[in-house]
Amino acid sequence: MEGQIGDTVVVESERVTMAARRGIIEEVLQQEPPRYQVRWEDGRTTILAPAAGVARIEQKKPRRAKAKN
């Protein structure tokens, strides 16, 4: 799992009744093993060192170019 600045990290809950946590990677601190500074939806910032199967990364979608008329 390789994340870049601006990608979304999704950490699934261990409980069925709780929603997944989502955050944006603000800084890549280390690639191997991965360490990211993440700003979560609730505004908190933490350092995340994801283990296999614990989190997934959703790539930041590139902006579409504006069409010129």
Protein backbone atom coordinates (compact mmCIF):
# COMPACT_ATOMS: atom_id res chain seq x y z
CA MET A 1 0.00 0.00 0.00
CA GLU A 2 1.63 3.20 -1.17
CA GLY A 3 -0.04 6.52 -0.42
CA GLN A 4 0.65 10.03 -1.65
CA ILE A 5 -0.22 13.45 -0.25
CA GLY A 6 -3.91 14.11 -0.85
CA ASP A 7 -4.94 10.43 -0.96
CA THR A 8 -7.72 9.25 1.35
CA VAL A 9 -7.03 6.61 4.00
CA VAL A 10 -9.95 4.45 5.09
CA VAL A 11 -9.61 2.38 8.27
CA GLU A 12 -12.43 -0.12 8.69
CA SER A 13 -13.98 -0.50 12.13
CA GLU A 14 -13.63 -3.72 14.09
CA ARG A 15 -17.27 -3.35 15.13
CA VAL A 16 -20.19 -3.73 12.76
CA THR A 17 -22.08 -0.85 14.37
CA MET A 18 -19.27 1.68 13.89
CA ALA A 19 -18.44 3.49 10.66
CA ALA A 20 -15.02 3.42 9.04
CA ARG A 21 -12.58 6.28 9.80
CA ARG A 22 -11.55 8.43 6.84
CA GLY A 23 -8.68 10.87 6.60
CA ILE A 24 -6.45 12.67 4.11
CA ILE A 25 -2.70 12.02 3.91
CA GLU A 26 -1.00 15.34 4.64
CA GLU A 27 2.58 14.09 4.66
CA VAL A 28 4.44 10.91 3.71
CA LEU A 29 6.95 10.46 6.52
CA GLN A 30 8.39 7.14 5.35
CA GLN A 31 7.72 4.72 2.46
CA GLU A 32 9.08 1.43 3.88
CA PRO A 33 7.43 0.61 6.19
CA PRO A 34 4.77 3.21 5.42
CA ARG A 35 4.20 6.09 7.84
CA TYR A 36 1.75 8.89 7.07
CA GLN A 37 0.59 12.03 8.81
CA VAL A 38 -3.20 11.90 8.43
CA ARG A 39 -5.87 14.52 9.14
CA TRP A 40 -9.05 12.68 10.07
CA GLU A 41 -12.61 13.84 9.36
CA ASP A 42 -12.99 14.96 12.98
CA GLY A 43 -10.05 17.38 12.55
CA ARG A 44 -7.48 15.41 14.55
CA THR A 45 -4.05 14.68 13.10
CA THR A 46 -2.15 11.46 13.81
CA ILE A 47 0.75 9.42 12.50
CA LEU A 48 -0.51 6.22 10.87
CA ALA A 49 1.60 3.12 10.28
CA PRO A 50 -0.94 0.83 8.58
CA ALA A 51 -0.61 -2.92 8.82
CA ALA A 52 -1.72 -5.25 6.03
CA GLY A 53 -5.49 -5.54 5.83
CA VAL A 54 -6.17 -2.76 8.34
CA ALA A 55 -6.52 0.20 5.99
CA ARG A 56 -6.96 0.99 2.33
CA ILE A 57 -5.84 4.00 0.32
CA GLU A 58 -8.08 5.66 -2.24
CA GLN A 59 -6.04 7.55 -4.80
CA LYS A 60 -6.69 11.27 -5.11
CA LYS A 61 -8.71 11.87 -8.25
CA PRO A 62 -6.96 14.15 -10.74
CA ARG A 63 -8.70 17.41 -11.51
CA ARG A 64 -10.39 17.62 -14.86
CA ALA A 65 -9.13 20.34 -17.15
CA LYS A 66 -11.65 23.05 -17.87
CA ALA A 67 -12.86 23.07 -21.45
CA LYS A 68 -12.17 26.25 -23.38
CA ASN A 69 -15.06 27.60 -25.41
